[in-house]
Structure formats: structure tokens, C-alpha cells
């Protein structure tokens, strides 16, 4: 359980540092590249220079999954930006969070043989409704692109499943190699985007990128460890909704944001859902 708690804290810290970076950076992609580079360096520290070339069983599938996972990381960010332009801020965030929750749950039941209990199902439903409620705003207007929202939902969902899939089909001793390849792939794509867009690295991009990268790597590593000891039907919903609670509380305490009564009720419901999921 300790690994799940640490993964939740790491996930929340990523969003908090991103919030702190607002207005202080000029290149979002440069900051992301610095984040992925930091993750690569941390992965190397865990692996050790002498063991950088992976050996043992299932090296090929680990390499392929790591590289593909990095593509999904960047694809999710690009799809989020596209959807925000087309559909506003709220709907993309809701679809992204629901995709990260629903797709892993369905995959765990269909492909990994994990059957949730009745209370866990109730907890998962409450979590989904709470995500919609806490992200709901007064924005009006028709959805500009249902297709793009669906793609975002699927892409973020598949990205979330990759950690569970690695634990099921790959050698767990190669987990740090998997993470290194993931972040190396994402960094390479970001570097290409920087060169194409002629974006420059600044000191703030490097500082805040490193600030995001440290919890990003640790959160990913703790997630793999949590999935090794707990069912995915518990890990994914708990991590998702508990992270929302921490981020919301940080917004209130650190950034003087105000939550509506509906959002406070949704946070209370989230705590109930976490309790039910872990029974």
C-alpha cells in the first residue's frame, strides 16, 4: 500500500509544479523535454552505467513496450492541447481522467482476470461520477469534436494500461530499463518538436522541467511497484481520484483557489470511493 500512496503523492506533485510554472516559462515543450531528460537520468542512476544494456528474458518486448509507451506519453499531451482548442478546458480533462480510470479497469477484468467485488464496483462508479462533478464548470456550447475526445479517452486509457501490461508480460527486473526507454522515447519526440518549432531552452524551462521530472519518474516507478502487489482494479481508481483530492487541496491551500459546494461534495464522495475500493 505504501507504494500506491507514494505514487499518488508523486502524481499530485507533477501537477503542483506545473501550476507553479505558469507565467514563468515560455516553452512548454522545452519544459517537458527537460522533464523527460531528468527522468532518463534518474532511471540511469537506478540501473547503473554497467547495466545499461538489458539482459535476460523478454528484453525485446520490454524495449518495444518502453518505446511505444513514450509515444503514448507525448501523444496524450498533444491530444489534450488539440482538444482544449476544440472543446474548451473542462471536457478534455474529464475525458482524459475517465479514460485513465475506465480503460485500465476494463482491461484488468477482460485480460488480466481481476474481478472486482461489489463494493469495489460501487466505489469505481462513485469515483467516475465524482470526476465529472469536480471538473464540471459553467461552460456551455456544443462539443466541437466528439471524435477527438474519444481518441483522447482511448489514448490516455491505453497509456495507463501499459504499466499493468508490463508487469504481466515482461521481466519485472527490467522495470527501470522500461522506464528509461519510455522517457528516452518521449524526450526524443519532444526534441524533434523543439527543433521543428525552433523553440529554445531557457533556465526556467530546465528548472521547472527537472522539478516535474523527479516526481514523474518516482511516481511511475512506484506505480509499477504498487501494481506488483495490489490489483489494478484497486490501484488505478484509487490513484486517480486520490490525486485529484490532493491537487484540489493544494489549489486551496497554496494558490488560494476556491472550490464550489458541489466540488467539496465531490471530494467527499471521492474519499468514500477510495474507502470502498480498498475494502
C-alpha atoms as a PDB file:
ATOM      1  CA  UNK A   1       0.000   0.000   0.000  1.00  0.00           C
ATOM      2  CA  UNK A   2       2.921   2.338   0.692  1.00  0.00           C
ATOM      3  CA  UNK A   3       3.929   2.290  -2.991  1.00  0.00           C
ATOM      4  CA  UNK A   4       0.420   3.327  -4.042  1.00  0.00           C
ATOM      5  CA  UNK A   5       0.447   6.221  -1.562  1.00  0.00           C
ATOM      6  CA  UNK A   6       3.846   7.357  -2.856  1.00  0.00           C
ATOM      7  CA  UNK A   7       2.610   7.109  -6.467  1.00  0.00           C
ATOM      8  CA  UNK A   8      -0.357   9.307  -5.562  1.00  0.00           C
ATOM      9  CA  UNK A   9       1.866  11.920  -3.911  1.00  0.00           C
ATOM     10  CA  UNK A  10       4.199  11.913  -6.922  1.00  0.00           C
ATOM     11  CA  UNK A  11       1.312  12.345  -9.366  1.00  0.00           C
ATOM     12  CA  UNK A  12      -0.035  15.285  -7.376  1.00  0.00           C
ATOM     13  CA  UNK A  13       3.404  16.941  -7.207  1.00  0.00           C
ATOM     14  CA  UNK A  14       3.653  16.866 -11.017  1.00  0.00           C
ATOM     15  CA  UNK A  15       0.509  18.993 -11.336  1.00  0.00           C
ATOM     16  CA  UNK A  16       1.545  21.285  -8.490  1.00  0.00           C
ATOM     17  CA  UNK A  17       4.925  22.059 -10.071  1.00  0.00           C
ATOM     18  CA  UNK A  18       3.220  22.627 -13.435  1.00  0.00           C
ATOM     19  CA  UNK A  19       0.892  25.073 -11.714  1.00  0.00           C
ATOM     20  CA  UNK A  20       3.892  26.850 -10.170  1.00  0.00           C
ATOM     21  CA  UNK A  21       5.489  27.154 -13.624  1.00  0.00           C
ATOM     22  CA  UNK A  22       2.579  29.138 -15.072  1.00  0.00           C
ATOM     23  CA  UNK A  23       3.724  32.543 -16.268  1.00  0.00           C
ATOM     24  CA  UNK A  24       7.374  31.691 -15.664  1.00  0.00           C
ATOM     25  CA  UNK A  25       8.178  29.675 -18.787  1.00  0.00           C
ATOM     26  CA  UNK A  26       7.967  30.416 -22.493  1.00  0.00           C
ATOM     27  CA  UNK A  27       8.459  26.955 -23.959  1.00  0.00           C
ATOM     28  CA  UNK A  28       6.092  24.229 -22.787  1.00  0.00           C
ATOM     29  CA  UNK A  29       7.709  21.574 -24.967  1.00  0.00           C
ATOM     30  CA  UNK A  30      11.167  22.585 -23.705  1.00  0.00           C
ATOM     31  CA  UNK A  31       9.965  22.152 -20.131  1.00  0.00           C
ATOM     32  CA  UNK A  32       8.561  18.724 -20.995  1.00  0.00           C
ATOM     33  CA  UNK A  33      11.830  17.749 -22.661  1.00  0.00           C
ATOM     34  CA  UNK A  34      13.759  18.777 -19.535  1.00  0.00           C
ATOM     35  CA  UNK A  35      11.290  16.712 -17.514  1.00  0.00           C
ATOM     36  CA  UNK A  36      11.869  13.597 -19.620  1.00  0.00           C
ATOM     37  CA  UNK A  37      15.639  14.137 -19.598  1.00  0.00           C
ATOM     38  CA  UNK A  38      15.550  14.293 -15.787  1.00  0.00           C
ATOM     39  CA  UNK A  39      13.551  11.055 -15.742  1.00  0.00           C
ATOM     40  CA  UNK A  40      16.157   9.425 -18.008  1.00  0.00           C
ATOM     41  CA  UNK A  41      18.981  10.490 -15.705  1.00  0.00           C
ATOM     42  CA  UNK A  42      17.147   9.129 -12.661  1.00  0.00           C
ATOM     43  CA  UNK A  43      16.482   5.849 -14.457  1.00  0.00           C
ATOM     44  CA  UNK A  44      20.203   5.565 -15.263  1.00  0.00           C
ATOM     45  CA  UNK A  45      21.012   6.126 -11.581  1.00  0.00           C
ATOM     46  CA  UNK A  46      18.778   3.196 -10.636  1.00  0.00           C
ATOM     47  CA  UNK A  47      20.040   0.962 -13.446  1.00  0.00           C
ATOM     48  CA  UNK A  48      23.743   1.795 -13.144  1.00  0.00           C
ATOM     49  CA  UNK A  49      26.046   2.511 -16.072  1.00  0.00           C
ATOM     50  CA  UNK A  50      27.372  -1.046 -16.027  1.00  0.00           C
ATOM     51  CA  UNK A  51      23.887  -2.468 -16.611  1.00  0.00           C
ATOM     52  CA  UNK A  52      22.537  -0.069 -19.231  1.00  0.00           C
ATOM     53  CA  UNK A  53      22.284  -2.805 -21.860  1.00  0.00           C
ATOM     54  CA  UNK A  54      19.411  -5.027 -20.668  1.00  0.00           C
ATOM     55  CA  UNK A  55      19.918  -8.757 -20.466  1.00  0.00           C
ATOM     56  CA  UNK A  56      17.756 -11.687 -19.516  1.00  0.00           C
ATOM     57  CA  UNK A  57      14.325 -12.799 -20.615  1.00  0.00           C
ATOM     58  CA  UNK A  58      11.909 -10.718 -22.708  1.00  0.00           C
ATOM     59  CA  UNK A  59      14.342  -7.894 -23.493  1.00  0.00           C
ATOM     60  CA  UNK A  60      12.782  -7.394 -26.937  1.00  0.00           C
ATOM     61  CA  UNK A  61       9.210  -6.964 -25.715  1.00  0.00           C
ATOM     62  CA  UNK A  62      10.385  -4.703 -22.905  1.00  0.00           C
ATOM     63  CA  UNK A  63      12.208  -2.478 -25.395  1.00  0.00           C
ATOM     64  CA  UNK A  64       9.227  -2.312 -27.753  1.00  0.00           C
ATOM     65  CA  UNK A  65       6.793  -1.534 -24.948  1.00  0.00           C
ATOM     66  CA  UNK A  66       9.037   1.143 -23.460  1.00  0.00           C
ATOM     67  CA  UNK A  67       9.463   2.955 -26.783  1.00  0.00           C
ATOM     68  CA  UNK A  68       5.740   2.725 -27.526  1.00  0.00           C
ATOM     69  CA  UNK A  69       4.884   3.954 -24.032  1.00  0.00           C
ATOM     70  CA  UNK A  70       6.970   7.085 -24.650  1.00  0.00           C
ATOM     71  CA  UNK A  71       4.998   7.759 -27.828  1.00  0.00           C
ATOM     72  CA  UNK A  72       1.758   7.460 -25.827  1.00  0.00           C
ATOM     73  CA  UNK A  73       3.076   9.928 -23.231  1.00  0.00           C
ATOM     74  CA  UNK A  74       3.641  12.648 -25.819  1.00  0.00           C
ATOM     75  CA  UNK A  75       0.545  11.734 -27.846  1.00  0.00           C
ATOM     76  CA  UNK A  76      -1.621  12.236 -24.753  1.00  0.00           C
ATOM     77  CA  UNK A  77      -0.212  15.736 -24.231  1.00  0.00           C
ATOM     78  CA  UNK A  78      -0.665  16.689 -27.888  1.00  0.00           C
ATOM     79  CA  UNK A  79      -4.229  15.348 -27.933  1.00  0.00           C
ATOM     80  CA  UNK A  80      -5.001  17.290 -24.767  1.00  0.00           C
ATOM     81  CA  UNK A  81      -3.805  20.534 -26.376  1.00  0.00           C
ATOM     82  CA  UNK A  82      -5.806  19.857 -29.563  1.00  0.00           C
ATOM     83  CA  UNK A  83      -8.943  19.047 -27.589  1.00  0.00           C
ATOM     84  CA  UNK A  84      -8.629  22.138 -25.410  1.00  0.00           C
ATOM     85  CA  UNK A  85      -8.553  24.266 -28.569  1.00  0.00           C
ATOM     86  CA  UNK A  86     -11.585  22.477 -30.000  1.00  0.00           C
ATOM     87  CA  UNK A  87     -13.669  21.711 -26.913  1.00  0.00           C
ATOM     88  CA  UNK A  88     -12.527  24.062 -24.144  1.00  0.00           C
ATOM     89  CA  UNK A  89     -10.793  23.079 -20.914  1.00  0.00           C
ATOM     90  CA  UNK A  90     -13.343  21.036 -18.968  1.00  0.00           C
ATOM     91  CA  UNK A  91     -14.394  18.259 -21.352  1.00  0.00           C
ATOM     92  CA  UNK A  92     -10.850  17.178 -22.318  1.00  0.00           C
ATOM     93  CA  UNK A  93      -9.854  16.950 -18.640  1.00  0.00           C
ATOM     94  CA  UNK A  94     -12.927  14.861 -17.837  1.00  0.00           C
ATOM     95  CA  UNK A  95     -12.399  12.515 -20.793  1.00  0.00           C
ATOM     96  CA  UNK A  96      -8.688  12.178 -20.006  1.00  0.00           C
ATOM     97  CA  UNK A  97      -9.281  11.281 -16.362  1.00  0.00           C
ATOM     98  CA  UNK A  98     -12.149   8.915 -17.166  1.00  0.00           C
ATOM     99  CA  UNK A  99     -10.066   7.204 -19.852  1.00  0.00           C
ATOM    100  CA  UNK A 100      -7.227   6.712 -17.360  1.00  0.00           C
ATOM    101  CA  UNK A 101      -9.697   5.125 -14.954  1.00  0.00           C
ATOM    102  CA  UNK A 102     -12.187   3.168 -17.089  1.00  0.00           C
ATOM    103  CA  UNK A 103      -9.884   1.624 -19.720  1.00  0.00           C
ATOM    104  CA  UNK A 104      -7.475   0.049 -17.154  1.00  0.00           C
ATOM    105  CA  UNK A 105     -10.448  -1.266 -15.170  1.00  0.00           C
ATOM    106  CA  UNK A 106     -11.998  -2.902 -18.232  1.00  0.00           C
ATOM    107  CA  UNK A 107      -8.608  -4.267 -19.338  1.00  0.00           C
ATOM    108  CA  UNK A 108      -7.968  -5.716 -15.874  1.00  0.00           C
ATOM    109  CA  UNK A 109     -11.280  -7.594 -15.935  1.00  0.00           C
ATOM    110  CA  UNK A 110     -11.145  -8.763 -19.560  1.00  0.00           C
ATOM    111  CA  UNK A 111      -7.461  -9.571 -19.994  1.00  0.00           C
ATOM    112  CA  UNK A 112      -5.891  -9.975 -16.555  1.00  0.00           C
ATOM    113  CA  UNK A 113      -8.636 -11.920 -14.801  1.00  0.00           C
ATOM    114  CA  UNK A 114      -9.140  -9.432 -11.965  1.00  0.00           C
ATOM    115  CA  UNK A 115     -12.749  -9.441 -10.802  1.00  0.00           C
ATOM    116  CA  UNK A 116     -13.743  -6.532  -8.521  1.00  0.00           C
ATOM    117  CA  UNK A 117     -16.101  -7.093  -5.616  1.00  0.00           C
ATOM    118  CA  UNK A 118     -19.473  -5.403  -5.337  1.00  0.00           C
ATOM    119  CA  UNK A 119     -18.150  -2.664  -3.049  1.00  0.00           C
ATOM    120  CA  UNK A 120     -15.244  -2.008  -5.405  1.00  0.00           C
ATOM    121  CA  UNK A 121     -17.625  -1.658  -8.342  1.00  0.00           C
ATOM    122  CA  UNK A 122     -19.700   0.822  -6.331  1.00  0.00           C
ATOM    123  CA  UNK A 123     -16.519   2.678  -5.394  1.00  0.00           C
ATOM    124  CA  UNK A 124     -15.413   2.837  -9.045  1.00  0.00           C
ATOM    125  CA  UNK A 125     -18.804   4.210 -10.141  1.00  0.00           C
ATOM    126  CA  UNK A 126     -18.711   6.849  -7.388  1.00  0.00           C
ATOM    127  CA  UNK A 127     -15.174   7.755  -8.487  1.00  0.00           C
ATOM    128  CA  UNK A 128     -16.272   8.243 -12.097  1.00  0.00           C
ATOM    129  CA  UNK A 129     -19.239  10.412 -11.121  1.00  0.00           C
ATOM    130  CA  UNK A 130     -17.023  12.416  -8.770  1.00  0.00           C
ATOM    131  CA  UNK A 131     -14.501  13.094 -11.545  1.00  0.00           C
ATOM    132  CA  UNK A 132     -17.273  14.509 -13.730  1.00  0.00           C
ATOM    133  CA  UNK A 133     -18.679  16.576 -10.856  1.00  0.00           C
ATOM    134  CA  UNK A 134     -15.393  18.062  -9.677  1.00  0.00           C
ATOM    135  CA  UNK A 135     -14.431  19.060 -13.241  1.00  0.00           C
ATOM    136  CA  UNK A 136     -17.841  20.383 -14.248  1.00  0.00           C
ATOM    137  CA  UNK A 137     -17.995  24.096 -14.946  1.00  0.00           C
ATOM    138  CA  UNK A 138     -20.427  26.600 -16.291  1.00  0.00           C
ATOM    139  CA  UNK A 139     -19.065  26.261 -19.822  1.00  0.00           C
ATOM    140  CA  UNK A 140     -21.809  25.961 -22.389  1.00  0.00           C
ATOM    141  CA  UNK A 141     -21.868  25.151 -26.062  1.00  0.00           C
ATOM    142  CA  UNK A 142     -21.838  22.139 -28.304  1.00  0.00           C
ATOM    143  CA  UNK A 143     -18.957  19.709 -28.427  1.00  0.00           C
ATOM    144  CA  UNK A 144     -16.836  20.726 -31.393  1.00  0.00           C
ATOM    145  CA  UNK A 145     -15.212  17.344 -31.963  1.00  0.00           C
ATOM    146  CA  UNK A 146     -16.561  14.165 -30.368  1.00  0.00           C
ATOM    147  CA  UNK A 147     -14.042  12.112 -32.314  1.00  0.00           C
ATOM    148  CA  UNK A 148     -11.041  13.920 -30.822  1.00  0.00           C
ATOM    149  CA  UNK A 149     -12.431  13.474 -27.319  1.00  0.00           C
ATOM    150  CA  UNK A 150     -12.891   9.754 -27.965  1.00  0.00           C
ATOM    151  CA  UNK A 151      -9.299   9.467 -29.229  1.00  0.00           C
ATOM    152  CA  UNK A 152      -8.045  11.284 -26.116  1.00  0.00           C
ATOM    153  CA  UNK A 153     -10.100   8.928 -23.917  1.00  0.00           C
ATOM    154  CA  UNK A 154      -8.630   5.841 -25.614  1.00  0.00           C
ATOM    155  CA  UNK A 155      -5.037   7.124 -25.823  1.00  0.00           C
ATOM    156  CA  UNK A 156      -4.867   8.118 -22.153  1.00  0.00           C
ATOM    157  CA  UNK A 157      -6.541   4.857 -21.201  1.00  0.00           C
ATOM    158  CA  UNK A 158      -4.078   2.722 -23.164  1.00  0.00           C
ATOM    159  CA  UNK A 159      -1.206   4.753 -21.734  1.00  0.00           C
ATOM    160  CA  UNK A 160      -2.409   3.920 -18.233  1.00  0.00           C
ATOM    161  CA  UNK A 161      -2.730   0.203 -19.069  1.00  0.00           C
ATOM    162  CA  UNK A 162       0.920  -0.045 -20.188  1.00  0.00           C
ATOM    163  CA  UNK A 163       2.287  -0.239 -16.641  1.00  0.00           C
ATOM    164  CA  UNK A 164      -0.024  -3.142 -15.815  1.00  0.00           C
ATOM    165  CA  UNK A 165       0.753  -4.818 -19.132  1.00  0.00           C
ATOM    166  CA  UNK A 166       4.480  -4.563 -18.440  1.00  0.00           C
ATOM    167  CA  UNK A 167       4.020  -6.285 -15.091  1.00  0.00           C
ATOM    168  CA  UNK A 168       2.071  -9.102 -16.733  1.00  0.00           C
ATOM    169  CA  UNK A 169       4.199  -9.891 -19.795  1.00  0.00           C
ATOM    170  CA  UNK A 170       7.701  -8.578 -19.082  1.00  0.00           C
ATOM    171  CA  UNK A 171      10.531  -9.325 -16.690  1.00  0.00           C
ATOM    172  CA  UNK A 172       9.994  -7.184 -13.547  1.00  0.00           C
ATOM    173  CA  UNK A 173      13.768  -6.963 -13.129  1.00  0.00           C
ATOM    174  CA  UNK A 174      13.768  -4.761 -16.239  1.00  0.00           C
ATOM    175  CA  UNK A 175      11.336  -2.188 -14.836  1.00  0.00           C
ATOM    176  CA  UNK A 176      13.952   0.572 -14.702  1.00  0.00           C
ATOM    177  CA  UNK A 177      15.024  -0.205 -18.282  1.00  0.00           C
ATOM    178  CA  UNK A 178      11.354   0.004 -19.285  1.00  0.00           C
ATOM    179  CA  UNK A 179      11.085   3.439 -17.676  1.00  0.00           C
ATOM    180  CA  UNK A 180      14.349   4.624 -19.228  1.00  0.00           C
ATOM    181  CA  UNK A 181      13.168   3.610 -22.713  1.00  0.00           C
ATOM    182  CA  UNK A 182       9.795   5.246 -22.096  1.00  0.00           C
ATOM    183  CA  UNK A 183      11.305   8.584 -21.140  1.00  0.00           C
ATOM    184  CA  UNK A 184      14.044   8.370 -23.792  1.00  0.00           C
ATOM    185  CA  UNK A 185      11.378   7.876 -26.446  1.00  0.00           C
ATOM    186  CA  UNK A 186       9.308  10.796 -25.131  1.00  0.00           C
ATOM    187  CA  UNK A 187      12.406  13.021 -24.873  1.00  0.00           C
ATOM    188  CA  UNK A 188      13.401  12.254 -28.479  1.00  0.00           C
ATOM    189  CA  UNK A 189       9.946  13.196 -29.762  1.00  0.00           C
ATOM    190  CA  UNK A 190       9.947  16.421 -27.730  1.00  0.00           C
ATOM    191  CA  UNK A 191      13.423  17.265 -29.021  1.00  0.00           C
ATOM    192  CA  UNK A 192      12.197  16.838 -32.587  1.00  0.00           C
ATOM    193  CA  UNK A 193       9.218  19.122 -31.842  1.00  0.00           C
ATOM    194  CA  UNK A 194      11.552  21.739 -30.319  1.00  0.00           C
ATOM    195  CA  UNK A 195      13.812  21.716 -33.373  1.00  0.00           C
ATOM    196  CA  UNK A 196      10.871  21.868 -35.758  1.00  0.00           C
ATOM    197  CA  UNK A 197       9.216  24.687 -33.806  1.00  0.00           C
ATOM    198  CA  UNK A 198      12.545  26.477 -33.223  1.00  0.00           C
ATOM    199  CA  UNK A 199      11.817  26.622 -29.511  1.00  0.00           C
ATOM    200  CA  UNK A 200      14.708  27.485 -27.206  1.00  0.00           C
ATOM    201  CA  UNK A 201      15.615  26.104 -23.791  1.00  0.00           C
ATOM    202  CA  UNK A 202      15.642  28.691 -21.000  1.00  0.00           C
ATOM    203  CA  UNK A 203      16.830  28.350 -17.424  1.00  0.00           C
ATOM    204  CA  UNK A 204      13.244  28.331 -16.120  1.00  0.00           C
ATOM    205  CA  UNK A 205      12.262  25.561 -18.515  1.00  0.00           C
ATOM    206  CA  UNK A 206      15.166  23.481 -17.249  1.00  0.00           C
ATOM    207  CA  UNK A 207      14.466  24.184 -13.558  1.00  0.00           C
ATOM    208  CA  UNK A 208      10.735  23.527 -13.701  1.00  0.00           C
ATOM    209  CA  UNK A 209      11.255  20.610 -16.078  1.00  0.00           C
ATOM    210  CA  UNK A 210      13.584  18.998 -13.544  1.00  0.00           C
ATOM    211  CA  UNK A 211      11.066  19.801 -10.802  1.00  0.00           C
ATOM    212  CA  UNK A 212       8.419  17.892 -12.749  1.00  0.00           C
ATOM    213  CA  UNK A 213      10.770  15.091 -13.774  1.00  0.00           C
ATOM    214  CA  UNK A 214      11.741  13.987 -10.261  1.00  0.00           C
ATOM    215  CA  UNK A 215       8.171  13.207  -9.062  1.00  0.00           C
ATOM    216  CA  UNK A 216       7.267  11.998 -12.564  1.00  0.00           C
ATOM    217  CA  UNK A 217       9.923   9.281 -12.526  1.00  0.00           C
ATOM    218  CA  UNK A 218       9.279   8.294  -8.909  1.00  0.00           C
ATOM    219  CA  UNK A 219       5.519   8.207  -9.437  1.00  0.00           C
ATOM    220  CA  UNK A 220       5.945   5.927 -12.479  1.00  0.00           C
ATOM    221  CA  UNK A 221       8.312   3.649 -10.568  1.00  0.00           C
ATOM    222  CA  UNK A 222       6.072   3.473  -7.502  1.00  0.00           C
ATOM    223  CA  UNK A 223       3.090   2.723  -9.757  1.00  0.00           C
ATOM    224  CA  UNK A 224       4.869  -0.325 -11.179  1.00  0.00           C
ATOM    225  CA  UNK A 225       5.655  -1.490  -7.643  1.00  0.00           C
ATOM    226  CA  UNK A 226       2.074  -0.876  -6.482  1.00  0.00           C
ATOM    227  CA  UNK A 227       0.705  -2.920  -9.399  1.00  0.00           C
ATOM    228  CA  UNK A 228       3.048  -5.757  -8.437  1.00  0.00           C
ATOM    229  CA  UNK A 229       1.415  -6.097  -5.023  1.00  0.00           C
ATOM    230  CA  UNK A 230      -2.160  -4.814  -5.483  1.00  0.00           C
ATOM    231  CA  UNK A 231      -4.917  -5.480  -8.058  1.00  0.00           C
ATOM    232  CA  UNK A 232      -5.171  -2.951 -10.888  1.00  0.00           C
ATOM    233  CA  UNK A 233      -8.903  -2.550 -10.116  1.00  0.00           C
ATOM    234  CA  UNK A 234      -7.790  -1.006  -6.820  1.00  0.00           C
ATOM    235  CA  UNK A 235      -4.632   0.824  -7.910  1.00  0.00           C
ATOM    236  CA  UNK A 236      -5.903   2.828 -10.887  1.00  0.00           C
ATOM    237  CA  UNK A 237      -9.126   4.244  -9.435  1.00  0.00           C
ATOM    238  CA  UNK A 238      -7.511   4.949  -6.062  1.00  0.00           C
ATOM    239  CA  UNK A 239      -4.534   6.715  -7.627  1.00  0.00           C
ATOM    240  CA  UNK A 240      -6.735   8.723  -9.981  1.00  0.00           C
ATOM    241  CA  UNK A 241      -9.264  10.077  -7.516  1.00  0.00           C
ATOM    242  CA  UNK A 242      -6.868  10.482  -4.570  1.00  0.00           C
ATOM    243  CA  UNK A 243      -4.560  12.527  -6.801  1.00  0.00           C
ATOM    244  CA  UNK A 244      -7.491  14.808  -7.661  1.00  0.00           C
ATOM    245  CA  UNK A 245      -8.151  15.370  -3.962  1.00  0.00           C
ATOM    246  CA  UNK A 246      -4.507  16.282  -3.248  1.00  0.00           C
ATOM    247  CA  UNK A 247      -4.335  18.631  -6.245  1.00  0.00           C
ATOM    248  CA  UNK A 248      -7.598  20.319  -5.247  1.00  0.00           C
ATOM    249  CA  UNK A 249      -6.430  20.786  -1.658  1.00  0.00           C
ATOM    250  CA  UNK A 250      -3.114  22.190  -2.918  1.00  0.00           C
ATOM    251  CA  UNK A 251      -5.078  24.641  -5.046  1.00  0.00           C
ATOM    252  CA  UNK A 252      -6.986  25.840  -1.989  1.00  0.00           C
ATOM    253  CA  UNK A 253      -4.043  25.976   0.417  1.00  0.00           C
ATOM    254  CA  UNK A 254      -1.207  27.070  -1.873  1.00  0.00           C
ATOM    255  CA  UNK A 255      -2.864  29.042  -4.667  1.00  0.00           C
ATOM    256  CA  UNK A 256      -5.890  30.437  -2.792  1.00  0.00           C
ATOM    257  CA  UNK A 257      -8.326  28.830  -5.214  1.00  0.00           C
ATOM    258  CA  UNK A 258     -11.946  28.427  -4.198  1.00  0.00           C
ATOM    259  CA  UNK A 259     -13.965  25.263  -4.628  1.00  0.00           C
ATOM    260  CA  UNK A 260     -17.699  25.330  -5.127  1.00  0.00           C
ATOM    261  CA  UNK A 261     -20.011  23.480  -2.787  1.00  0.00           C
ATOM    262  CA  UNK A 262     -20.534  20.851  -5.495  1.00  0.00           C
ATOM    263  CA  UNK A 263     -16.759  20.293  -5.731  1.00  0.00           C
ATOM    264  CA  UNK A 264     -16.440  19.877  -1.952  1.00  0.00           C
ATOM    265  CA  UNK A 265     -19.244  17.311  -2.063  1.00  0.00           C
ATOM    266  CA  UNK A 266     -17.463  15.566  -4.951  1.00  0.00           C
ATOM    267  CA  UNK A 267     -14.249  15.425  -2.910  1.00  0.00           C
ATOM    268  CA  UNK A 268     -16.167  13.863  -0.033  1.00  0.00           C
ATOM    269  CA  UNK A 269     -17.596  11.296  -2.438  1.00  0.00           C
ATOM    270  CA  UNK A 270     -14.073  10.591  -3.703  1.00  0.00           C
ATOM    271  CA  UNK A 271     -12.933   9.744  -0.183  1.00  0.00           C
ATOM    272  CA  UNK A 272     -15.875   7.344   0.119  1.00  0.00           C
ATOM    273  CA  UNK A 273     -14.948   5.749  -3.201  1.00  0.00           C
ATOM    274  CA  UNK A 274     -11.338   5.270  -2.086  1.00  0.00           C
ATOM    275  CA  UNK A 275     -12.524   3.563   1.082  1.00  0.00           C
ATOM    276  CA  UNK A 276     -14.822   1.236  -0.874  1.00  0.00           C
ATOM    277  CA  UNK A 277     -12.145   0.406  -3.429  1.00  0.00           C
ATOM    278  CA  UNK A 278      -9.735  -0.677  -0.720  1.00  0.00           C
ATOM    279  CA  UNK A 279     -12.130  -2.856   1.275  1.00  0.00           C
END
